[in-house]
Amino acid sequence: MRRTTRRQFLRGMGGASLALPWMPSLATAGEASTPLMRMAHFYVPIGVVRRGFFPGEAEHIIPKGNLGNVMKSLGKQNPFASDQPLGELTPTMQPLEPIKHKLTLITGMDRTFQQGTDVHAQCASCYLSSAVPYTVQGTAWPLDRTLDHLVADHIGRQTPFSTLEFSCNSHRDNKESIYFDNISWYGTGHLAPSIRDPRKMYRRLFSTREIDRYRDVTDLVLADAHELQHELAYDDRHKFAEYFESIRAIELQMDRLEKMKGELARIQMDEPPEAHLPRGEYIRLMGDLMVVALQTGLTNVATFMVGPERWDTPFLFESLFDTPRSHHQMSHNQTKMIDDLLKVDLFHMQQFAYLVQKMDAIEQPDGATLLDHTLFTYGSGLGDGSTHQYNDLPIIVAGGGDRVKSGRHINMPEGTPLANLWLTQAQLMGVSMPRFADSTGVIQPFVAG
């Protein structure tokens, strides 16, 4: 019987290409049975409402500073030095309840603000670099080569894309600089540009020059795959059909969004039409594309910005508000808009939970899931959007399989650099790195074994 390798199939027909998930029927001798680890970062702008996110803070109004400082001023022991089972989830974290056992909540992580530039520019652009302040030449803030690219230097050389950068900022006004809208950087002053348009990302991942001649790339590749299906085992045929149905569903979603864009473009309004697209559907569509890219091995490293920092142009959060709202403006009026801000935080967590559960439903060749083979981190560059504090950041790590201790709440001692977590993740990804940025060590309670 003729054997078809995954590499042969990836070539497709007529210039179209579409990557496949792992299937035993297509495995060749010597092909690795255990997938490589992946890493993805889900970035939320402008921090969170602390009383909704952090355990034990439901009734506490946080001043500018770490809760450890508050406890110290009250003569109480600093509580940030423990590792315990993840208890009842806070209201903002509730969407993660079904996957709680594969989560690690890490609190007490700090960053150092470099005086002299805008607080929001640093919290996004420096989130994954965390360089020691005043040590990087040619930049007004501690921006250096970010974690995703340092990891990709080691695990991204065999994938079509060493990294992929996703952004859910559908605005076109560009009222802020690139430092407010990107967390991925090749190096100081060298941006790794994110892609905002789902169709543009789709074409980058799956299509070639012929895409404009074919309305549906999936039909083209399926025609070439007809003979292949007869060679697949029963389970693989089911997986094959399921996979292509997910691709077709993405295409249909994009068609709907494209049609909506065309209709809205004819309406006179102050806000760019794209910003009125349903936020949840737009974010999930971009997330679906990221998951497919990780699933098929198009990349092993991805960053995902759910929104830009400090962009005052409003978004219409469907099902939340009747009129468009600016997340940034709301954050500066937290006392009066606390309920609305909590809704936005919950909305963002729902999108993260959707992707976490989607990844956990995708089986890998060793019987584990895509989530088990991915370090998927939710985080923000601010600990609180109203006070602009750079300490005690909201961090959740999903996945990691047997390499990490999941189902835990790790409280780190006051002053622990966020770079300690990035160093830990780099080492878990197989990167031999003794130090990262301003790190002082690894997060030992997070590592299994």
Protein backbone atom coordinates (compact mmCIF):
# COMPACT_ATOMS: atom_id res chain seq x y z
CA MET A 1 0.00 0.00 0.00
CA ARG A 2 1.28 3.47 -0.83
CA ARG A 3 2.36 5.40 2.21
CA THR A 4 1.58 9.10 2.36
CA THR A 5 3.69 11.21 4.65
CA ARG A 6 2.44 14.32 6.37
CA ARG A 7 5.06 16.32 4.50
CA GLN A 8 3.72 15.09 1.15
CA PHE A 9 0.17 15.90 2.10
CA LEU A 10 1.05 19.37 3.30
CA ARG A 11 1.94 20.22 -0.30
CA GLY A 12 -1.72 19.84 -1.25
CA MET A 13 -2.96 20.49 -4.79
CA GLY A 14 -2.89 23.49 -7.08
CA GLY A 15 -0.64 25.54 -4.84
CA ALA A 16 -2.92 25.35 -1.79
CA SER A 17 -1.53 24.13 1.47
CA LEU A 18 -3.28 23.10 4.64
CA ALA A 19 -1.51 21.56 7.62
CA LEU A 20 -2.90 18.45 9.26
CA PRO A 21 -3.08 17.50 12.92
CA TRP A 22 -1.14 14.40 14.02
CA MET A 23 -2.77 11.13 12.94
CA PRO A 24 -1.34 7.64 13.58
CA SER A 25 -2.19 6.47 10.06
CA LEU A 26 0.16 9.10 8.61
CA ALA A 27 3.00 8.49 11.05
CA THR A 28 6.29 7.36 9.59
CA ALA A 29 9.04 5.33 11.17
CA GLY A 30 11.01 7.43 13.58
CA GLU A 31 8.43 10.19 13.82
CA ALA A 32 8.26 11.48 17.37
CA SER A 33 5.37 10.02 19.35
CA THR A 34 5.46 12.81 21.93
CA PRO A 35 4.75 16.33 20.63
CA LEU A 36 7.02 19.21 21.48
CA MET A 37 5.94 21.66 24.14
CA ARG A 38 4.27 24.83 22.93
CA MET A 39 4.03 28.24 24.57
CA ALA A 40 1.30 30.85 24.17
CA HIS A 41 0.58 34.11 25.98
CA PHE A 42 -2.89 35.64 26.30
CA TYR A 43 -2.42 39.31 27.21
CA VAL A 44 -5.17 41.41 28.82
CA PRO A 45 -4.66 45.21 28.80
CA ILE A 46 -5.12 47.69 31.65
CA GLY A 47 -4.97 45.18 34.49
CA VAL A 48 -8.02 43.86 36.31
CA VAL A 49 -10.39 44.89 39.07
CA ARG A 50 -8.54 43.33 41.97
CA ARG A 51 -11.54 42.59 44.17
CA GLY A 52 -13.05 40.45 41.41
CA PHE A 53 -9.88 38.57 40.42
CA PHE A 54 -7.69 38.03 43.48
CA PRO A 55 -8.66 35.62 46.28
CA GLY A 56 -9.32 37.31 49.61
CA GLU A 57 -9.74 40.81 48.19
CA ALA A 58 -13.50 40.88 47.58
CA GLU A 59 -14.09 43.50 50.27
CA HIS A 60 -10.72 45.23 50.05
CA ILE A 61 -10.06 48.46 48.17
CA ILE A 62 -6.43 48.15 47.09
CA PRO A 63 -4.27 51.27 47.34
CA LYS A 64 -1.34 51.84 45.03
CA GLY A 65 1.06 49.12 46.10
CA ASN A 66 1.28 45.43 46.87
CA LEU A 67 -1.13 43.88 49.35
CA GLY A 68 2.00 42.75 51.20
CA ASN A 69 2.74 46.41 51.97
CA VAL A 70 -0.78 46.81 53.32
CA MET A 71 -0.40 43.76 55.55
CA LYS A 72 3.00 45.02 56.72
CA SER A 73 1.54 48.39 57.67
CA LEU A 74 -1.09 46.58 59.72
CA GLY A 75 1.57 44.63 61.55
CA LYS A 76 0.56 41.35 59.93
CA GLN A 77 2.77 38.77 58.31
CA ASN A 78 3.29 39.02 54.55
CA PRO A 79 1.09 36.18 53.18
CA PHE A 80 2.83 35.88 49.81
CA ALA A 81 5.02 32.85 50.43
CA SER A 82 2.83 29.78 50.07
CA ASP A 83 1.79 26.95 47.77
CA GLN A 84 -1.67 25.54 48.34
CA PRO A 85 -4.51 23.89 46.42
CA LEU A 86 -6.46 26.30 44.26
CA GLY A 87 -9.59 26.97 46.29
CA GLU A 88 -12.93 28.41 45.28
CA LEU A 89 -12.51 30.51 42.17
CA THR A 90 -13.17 34.22 42.42
CA PRO A 91 -16.03 35.77 40.39
CA THR A 92 -13.73 36.85 37.54
CA MET A 93 -12.11 33.40 37.36
CA GLN A 94 -15.41 31.47 37.44
CA PRO A 95 -15.41 30.63 33.68
CA LEU A 96 -12.33 28.46 34.35
CA GLU A 97 -14.10 26.16 36.80
CA PRO A 98 -14.43 23.20 34.35
CA ILE A 99 -10.66 23.19 33.78
CA LYS A 100 -9.58 24.26 37.27
CA HIS A 101 -7.44 21.16 37.81
CA LYS A 102 -5.14 22.21 34.94
CA LEU A 103 -4.60 25.78 36.15
CA THR A 104 -2.01 27.46 38.33
CA LEU A 105 -2.78 30.86 39.83
CA ILE A 106 0.46 32.73 40.59
CA THR A 107 0.21 35.90 42.64
CA GLY A 108 2.81 38.30 44.00
CA MET A 109 4.72 38.74 40.73
CA ASP A 110 6.18 42.23 40.27
CA ARG A 111 7.76 44.37 37.58
CA THR A 112 9.92 47.47 37.94
CA PHE A 113 8.67 50.67 36.33
CA GLN A 114 11.37 52.75 34.64
CA GLN A 115 10.68 56.41 35.37
CA GLY A 116 10.39 58.86 32.50
CA THR A 117 7.84 57.28 30.12
CA ASP A 118 4.14 56.49 30.04
CA VAL A 119 3.01 53.71 32.33
CA HIS A 120 0.83 52.00 29.71
CA ALA A 121 3.56 51.93 27.07
CA GLN A 122 5.82 49.96 29.38
CA CYS A 123 3.19 47.57 30.73
CA ALA A 124 2.45 46.14 27.27
CA SER A 125 5.70 46.46 25.34
CA CYS A 126 7.93 45.31 28.21
CA TYR A 127 5.64 42.59 29.57
CA LEU A 128 7.62 39.72 28.02
CA SER A 129 11.06 41.32 28.27
CA SER A 130 11.23 42.70 31.83
CA ALA A 131 14.75 44.01 31.27
CA VAL A 132 16.60 45.59 34.16
CA PRO A 133 15.68 49.32 34.16
CA TYR A 134 18.19 51.75 32.62
CA THR A 135 20.37 48.96 31.23
CA VAL A 136 19.08 48.77 27.63
CA GLN A 137 20.62 51.26 25.23
CA GLY A 138 18.47 53.04 22.67
CA THR A 139 15.15 52.84 24.51
CA ALA A 140 13.37 54.98 27.09
CA TRP A 141 12.02 51.89 28.84
CA PRO A 142 13.29 48.38 29.62
CA LEU A 143 12.35 46.82 26.28
CA ASP A 144 14.52 43.98 25.01
CA ARG A 145 14.12 40.78 22.97
CA THR A 146 10.99 39.17 24.35
CA LEU A 147 10.56 35.71 25.85
CA ASP A 148 8.61 34.30 22.91
CA HIS A 149 11.48 34.94 20.48
CA LEU A 150 14.15 33.69 22.85
CA VAL A 151 12.22 30.43 23.22
CA ALA A 152 11.52 30.27 19.47
CA ASP A 153 15.26 30.55 18.82
CA HIS A 154 15.45 27.04 20.26
CA ILE A 155 12.16 25.35 19.34
CA GLY A 156 10.87 27.34 16.36
CA ARG A 157 13.43 26.53 13.70
CA GLN A 158 11.61 23.45 12.38
CA THR A 159 8.16 25.05 12.11
CA PRO A 160 6.90 27.14 9.16
CA PHE A 161 6.52 30.09 11.54
CA SER A 162 8.94 30.46 14.41
CA THR A 163 6.37 32.64 16.19
CA LEU A 164 2.92 34.01 15.44
CA GLU A 165 1.58 37.30 16.80
CA PHE A 166 -2.18 37.78 17.11
CA SER A 167 -3.97 41.02 18.02
CA CYS A 168 -7.66 41.66 18.60
CA ASN A 169 -7.38 45.42 18.12
CA SER A 170 -9.75 45.98 15.21
CA HIS A 171 -9.35 49.77 15.29
CA ARG A 172 -7.68 51.60 12.43
CA ASP A 173 -7.28 55.03 14.02
CA ASN A 174 -3.76 54.28 15.32
CA LYS A 175 -4.11 57.02 17.91
CA GLU A 176 -1.41 55.47 20.08
CA SER A 177 2.09 54.34 19.19
CA ILE A 178 3.13 50.76 18.50
CA TYR A 179 4.32 50.44 22.09
CA PHE A 180 0.71 50.35 23.30
CA ASP A 181 -0.37 47.61 20.93
CA ASN A 182 2.37 44.96 20.87
CA ILE A 183 3.93 42.58 23.38
CA SER A 184 6.25 40.76 20.96
CA TRP A 185 9.62 42.26 19.96
CA TYR A 186 12.61 40.91 18.09
CA GLY A 187 14.72 43.34 20.08
CA THR A 188 14.95 46.93 21.22
CA GLY A 189 13.14 49.05 18.64
CA HIS A 190 12.43 46.05 16.40
CA LEU A 191 8.75 45.16 16.51
CA ALA A 192 7.37 41.72 15.68
CA PRO A 193 4.17 43.06 14.07
CA SER A 194 0.93 41.40 15.08
CA ILE A 195 -1.88 40.56 12.69
CA ARG A 196 -5.31 41.98 13.49
CA ASP A 197 -7.41 40.77 10.56
CA PRO A 198 -8.67 37.14 10.78
CA ARG A 199 -8.72 36.75 7.00
CA LYS A 200 -5.18 38.05 6.68
CA MET A 201 -4.03 35.60 9.35
CA TYR A 202 -5.91 32.77 7.66
CA ARG A 203 -4.24 33.47 4.33
CA ARG A 204 -0.87 33.70 6.00
CA LEU A 205 -1.35 30.29 7.59
CA PHE A 206 -3.09 28.29 4.90
CA SER A 207 -2.94 29.85 1.46
CA THR A 208 -0.62 30.68 -1.45
CA ARG A 209 -0.81 32.94 -4.52
CA GLU A 210 -3.80 31.02 -5.89
CA ILE A 211 -6.04 31.94 -2.95
CA ASP A 212 -7.71 34.78 -4.83
CA ARG A 213 -8.75 32.33 -7.58
CA TYR A 214 -10.45 29.95 -5.16
CA ARG A 215 -13.23 31.00 -2.84
CA ASP A 216 -12.89 27.95 -0.60
CA VAL A 217 -9.37 26.59 -0.07
CA THR A 218 -10.76 23.72 1.97
CA ASP A 219 -12.63 22.28 -1.02
CA LEU A 220 -9.44 22.42 -3.07
CA VAL A 221 -7.39 20.46 -0.54
CA LEU A 222 -10.17 17.96 0.17
CA ALA A 223 -10.21 17.05 -3.51
CA ASP A 224 -6.55 16.11 -3.26
CA ALA A 225 -7.22 14.29 0.01
CA HIS A 226 -9.93 11.96 -1.34
CA GLU A 227 -7.52 9.09 -2.00
CA LEU A 228 -5.74 9.67 1.29
CA GLN A 229 -8.93 9.11 3.27
CA HIS A 230 -9.09 5.49 2.11
CA GLU A 231 -5.71 4.85 3.73
CA LEU A 232 -6.68 6.22 7.13
CA ALA A 233 -7.78 4.08 10.02
CA TYR A 234 -11.34 4.53 11.28
CA ASP A 235 -10.36 6.79 14.18
CA ASP A 236 -8.16 8.90 11.92
CA ARG A 237 -10.93 9.32 9.36
CA HIS A 238 -13.09 10.69 12.14
CA LYS A 239 -10.28 13.01 13.28
CA PHE A 240 -9.66 14.06 9.67
CA ALA A 241 -13.31 14.98 9.15
CA GLU A 242 -13.50 16.76 12.50
CA TYR A 243 -10.41 18.80 11.69
CA PHE A 244 -11.61 19.97 8.29
CA GLU A 245 -15.01 20.79 9.70
CA SER A 246 -13.28 23.11 12.17
CA ILE A 247 -11.40 24.76 9.28
CA ARG A 248 -14.63 25.18 7.33
CA ALA A 249 -16.32 26.65 10.40
CA ILE A 250 -13.58 29.25 10.62
CA GLU A 251 -14.06 30.09 6.94
CA LEU A 252 -17.80 30.52 7.44
CA GLN A 253 -17.20 32.74 10.46
CA MET A 254 -14.87 34.93 8.44
CA ASP A 255 -17.40 35.14 5.62
CA ARG A 256 -20.00 36.39 8.09
CA LEU A 257 -17.57 38.92 9.52
CA GLU A 258 -16.56 40.07 6.03
CA LYS A 259 -20.20 40.61 5.09
CA MET A 260 -20.85 42.51 8.29
CA LYS A 261 -17.82 44.73 7.68
CA GLY A 262 -19.15 45.62 4.24
CA GLU A 263 -22.57 46.53 5.60
CA LEU A 264 -21.23 48.56 8.50
CA ALA A 265 -18.77 50.41 6.28
CA ARG A 266 -21.73 52.15 4.58
CA ILE A 267 -22.95 53.55 7.88
CA GLN A 268 -21.66 56.93 9.03
CA MET A 269 -20.33 56.63 12.57
CA ASP A 270 -17.46 58.05 14.56
CA GLU A 271 -16.03 54.64 15.46
CA PRO A 272 -14.31 52.56 12.76
CA PRO A 273 -16.76 49.91 11.49
CA GLU A 274 -14.50 47.01 12.43
CA ALA A 275 -14.70 48.00 16.08
CA HIS A 276 -18.45 47.32 16.04
CA LEU A 277 -18.01 43.69 15.09
CA PRO A 278 -19.10 41.40 17.93
CA ARG A 279 -16.09 41.37 20.23
CA GLY A 280 -16.55 37.83 21.51
CA GLU A 281 -16.90 36.30 18.04
CA TYR A 282 -13.94 38.29 16.74
CA ILE A 283 -11.67 37.27 19.65
CA ARG A 284 -12.72 33.61 19.48
CA LEU A 285 -12.15 33.52 15.72
CA MET A 286 -8.61 34.82 16.16
CA GLY A 287 -8.20 32.33 18.99
CA ASP A 288 -9.40 29.47 16.79
CA LEU A 289 -6.74 30.36 14.26
CA MET A 290 -4.07 30.37 16.97
CA VAL A 291 -5.18 26.97 18.25
CA VAL A 292 -5.15 25.46 14.75
CA ALA A 293 -1.66 26.85 14.17
CA LEU A 294 -0.42 25.25 17.40
CA GLN A 295 -2.31 22.00 16.76
CA THR A 296 -0.89 21.47 13.28
CA GLY A 297 2.66 22.45 14.09
CA LEU A 298 2.63 25.60 11.99
CA THR A 299 4.17 27.21 15.06
CA ASN A 300 5.07 26.26 18.62
CA VAL A 301 5.08 29.81 20.00
CA ALA A 302 2.31 32.42 19.88
CA THR A 303 1.28 35.68 21.51
CA PHE A 304 -2.30 36.87 21.67
CA MET A 305 -3.33 40.42 22.67
CA VAL A 306 -7.01 40.56 23.53
CA GLY A 307 -6.92 44.37 23.23
CA PRO A 308 -4.58 47.37 23.12
CA GLU A 309 -3.40 49.45 26.04
CA ARG A 310 -4.91 52.90 26.70
CA TRP A 311 -6.80 53.08 23.36
CA ASP A 312 -9.62 55.48 24.19
CA THR A 313 -11.53 54.60 21.02
CA PRO A 314 -14.40 52.48 22.37
CA PHE A 315 -15.38 48.92 21.62
CA LEU A 316 -18.93 47.62 21.60
CA PHE A 317 -18.82 44.64 23.95
CA GLU A 318 -21.83 42.71 22.74
CA SER A 319 -24.26 41.55 25.43
CA LEU A 320 -22.51 43.76 27.99
CA PHE A 321 -23.45 47.34 27.13
CA ASP A 322 -25.85 49.18 24.84
CA THR A 323 -23.23 51.67 23.67
CA PRO A 324 -19.48 51.39 22.90
CA ARG A 325 -17.20 51.71 25.92
CA SER A 326 -13.55 52.57 26.44
CA HIS A 327 -11.90 50.08 28.76
CA HIS A 328 -9.17 52.60 29.59
CA GLN A 329 -11.55 55.43 30.44
CA MET A 330 -13.64 53.12 32.62
CA SER A 331 -10.52 52.05 34.52
CA HIS A 332 -9.93 55.66 35.61
CA ASN A 333 -13.42 55.88 37.05
CA GLN A 334 -13.42 52.58 38.87
CA THR A 335 -15.46 53.80 41.85
CA LYS A 336 -18.48 54.63 39.71
CA MET A 337 -17.99 51.97 37.02
CA ILE A 338 -16.91 49.01 39.11
CA ASP A 339 -19.77 46.80 37.93
CA ASP A 340 -19.09 47.55 34.26
CA LEU A 341 -15.36 46.91 34.68
CA LEU A 342 -16.06 43.59 36.37
CA LYS A 343 -18.19 42.66 33.36
CA VAL A 344 -15.27 43.43 31.01
CA ASP A 345 -12.87 41.37 33.15
CA LEU A 346 -15.31 38.45 33.14
CA PHE A 347 -15.77 38.81 29.37
CA HIS A 348 -12.01 38.57 28.78
CA MET A 349 -11.78 35.56 31.09
CA GLN A 350 -14.58 33.86 29.16
CA GLN A 351 -12.54 34.18 25.97
CA PHE A 352 -9.47 32.71 27.70
CA ALA A 353 -11.58 29.88 29.13
CA TYR A 354 -12.98 29.13 25.67
CA LEU A 355 -9.48 28.69 24.27
CA VAL A 356 -8.24 26.66 27.25
CA GLN A 357 -11.13 24.21 26.93
CA LYS A 358 -10.76 24.03 23.16
CA MET A 359 -7.09 23.13 23.52
CA ASP A 360 -7.89 20.55 26.17
CA ALA A 361 -10.30 18.80 23.79
CA ILE A 362 -7.62 18.19 21.14
CA GLU A 363 -5.94 14.81 21.55
CA GLN A 364 -2.22 14.39 20.97
CA PRO A 365 -0.37 11.21 19.87
CA ASP A 366 0.62 10.29 23.42
CA GLY A 367 -2.97 10.44 24.65
CA ALA A 368 -2.52 13.82 26.30
CA THR A 369 -4.16 17.00 25.02
CA LEU A 370 -2.86 20.05 23.22
CA LEU A 371 -3.28 21.96 26.47
CA ASP A 372 -1.13 19.41 28.30
CA HIS A 373 1.65 20.14 25.82
CA THR A 374 1.26 23.92 26.03
CA LEU A 375 2.18 26.54 28.61
CA PHE A 376 -0.74 28.92 28.06
CA THR A 377 -0.46 32.04 30.21
CA TYR A 378 -3.11 34.66 30.98
CA GLY A 379 -1.63 37.91 32.25
CA SER A 380 -1.49 41.68 32.28
CA GLY A 381 1.25 44.26 32.69
CA LEU A 382 -0.69 46.05 35.42
CA GLY A 383 -1.85 44.72 38.77
CA ASP A 384 -4.69 47.24 38.88
CA GLY A 385 -5.94 49.45 36.08
CA SER A 386 -7.01 52.38 38.23
CA THR A 387 -3.83 52.75 40.31
CA HIS A 388 -1.35 51.70 37.57
CA GLN A 389 0.52 49.49 40.00
CA TYR A 390 3.23 47.32 38.50
CA ASN A 391 3.25 44.79 41.32
CA ASP A 392 1.13 41.79 42.21
CA LEU A 393 0.17 41.11 38.60
CA PRO A 394 -2.77 38.85 37.63
CA ILE A 395 -1.17 35.67 36.25
CA ILE A 396 -2.74 32.30 35.43
CA VAL A 397 -0.88 29.47 33.72
CA ALA A 398 -2.99 26.76 32.07
CA GLY A 399 -1.63 23.45 30.83
CA GLY A 400 1.92 22.21 31.07
CA GLY A 401 0.94 18.58 31.72
CA ASP A 402 3.16 16.59 34.04
CA ARG A 403 5.92 19.21 33.88
CA VAL A 404 4.09 21.55 36.24
CA LYS A 405 2.09 21.41 39.45
CA SER A 406 -1.45 22.30 38.43
CA GLY A 407 -4.53 22.99 40.49
CA ARG A 408 -2.43 25.22 42.76
CA HIS A 409 -2.39 28.79 44.04
CA ILE A 410 1.21 29.92 44.43
CA ASN A 411 1.74 33.12 46.44
CA MET A 412 5.23 34.44 45.85
CA PRO A 413 7.10 36.63 48.36
CA GLU A 414 6.77 40.37 47.92
CA GLY A 415 9.14 41.72 45.28
CA THR A 416 9.45 38.52 43.22
CA PRO A 417 10.23 39.58 39.62
CA LEU A 418 7.85 38.49 36.88
CA ALA A 419 10.99 37.50 35.00
CA ASN A 420 11.32 34.58 37.43
CA LEU A 421 8.22 33.04 35.86
CA TRP A 422 9.52 33.69 32.34
CA LEU A 423 12.83 32.04 33.28
CA THR A 424 10.91 29.06 34.66
CA GLN A 425 8.85 28.75 31.49
CA ALA A 426 11.91 29.01 29.26
CA GLN A 427 13.58 26.16 31.13
CA LEU A 428 10.39 24.07 30.96
CA MET A 429 10.45 24.63 27.20
CA GLY A 430 13.92 23.09 27.11
CA VAL A 431 15.91 26.32 26.83
CA SER A 432 19.16 26.26 28.76
CA MET A 433 18.99 29.72 30.29
CA PRO A 434 20.49 30.48 33.71
CA ARG A 435 18.88 33.93 33.92
CA PHE A 436 16.30 36.04 32.11
CA ALA A 437 16.21 39.84 32.38
CA ASP A 438 15.96 40.82 36.07
CA SER A 439 15.16 37.32 37.32
CA THR A 440 16.51 36.09 40.64
CA GLY A 441 15.61 32.42 40.25
CA VAL A 442 12.89 30.03 39.12
CA ILE A 443 9.38 29.56 40.57
CA GLN A 444 10.20 26.25 42.21
CA PRO A 445 6.68 25.46 43.53
CA PHE A 446 5.43 25.61 39.93
CA VAL A 447 7.77 22.89 38.62
CA ALA A 448 6.78 19.25 39.03
CA GLY A 449 9.19 16.74 40.49
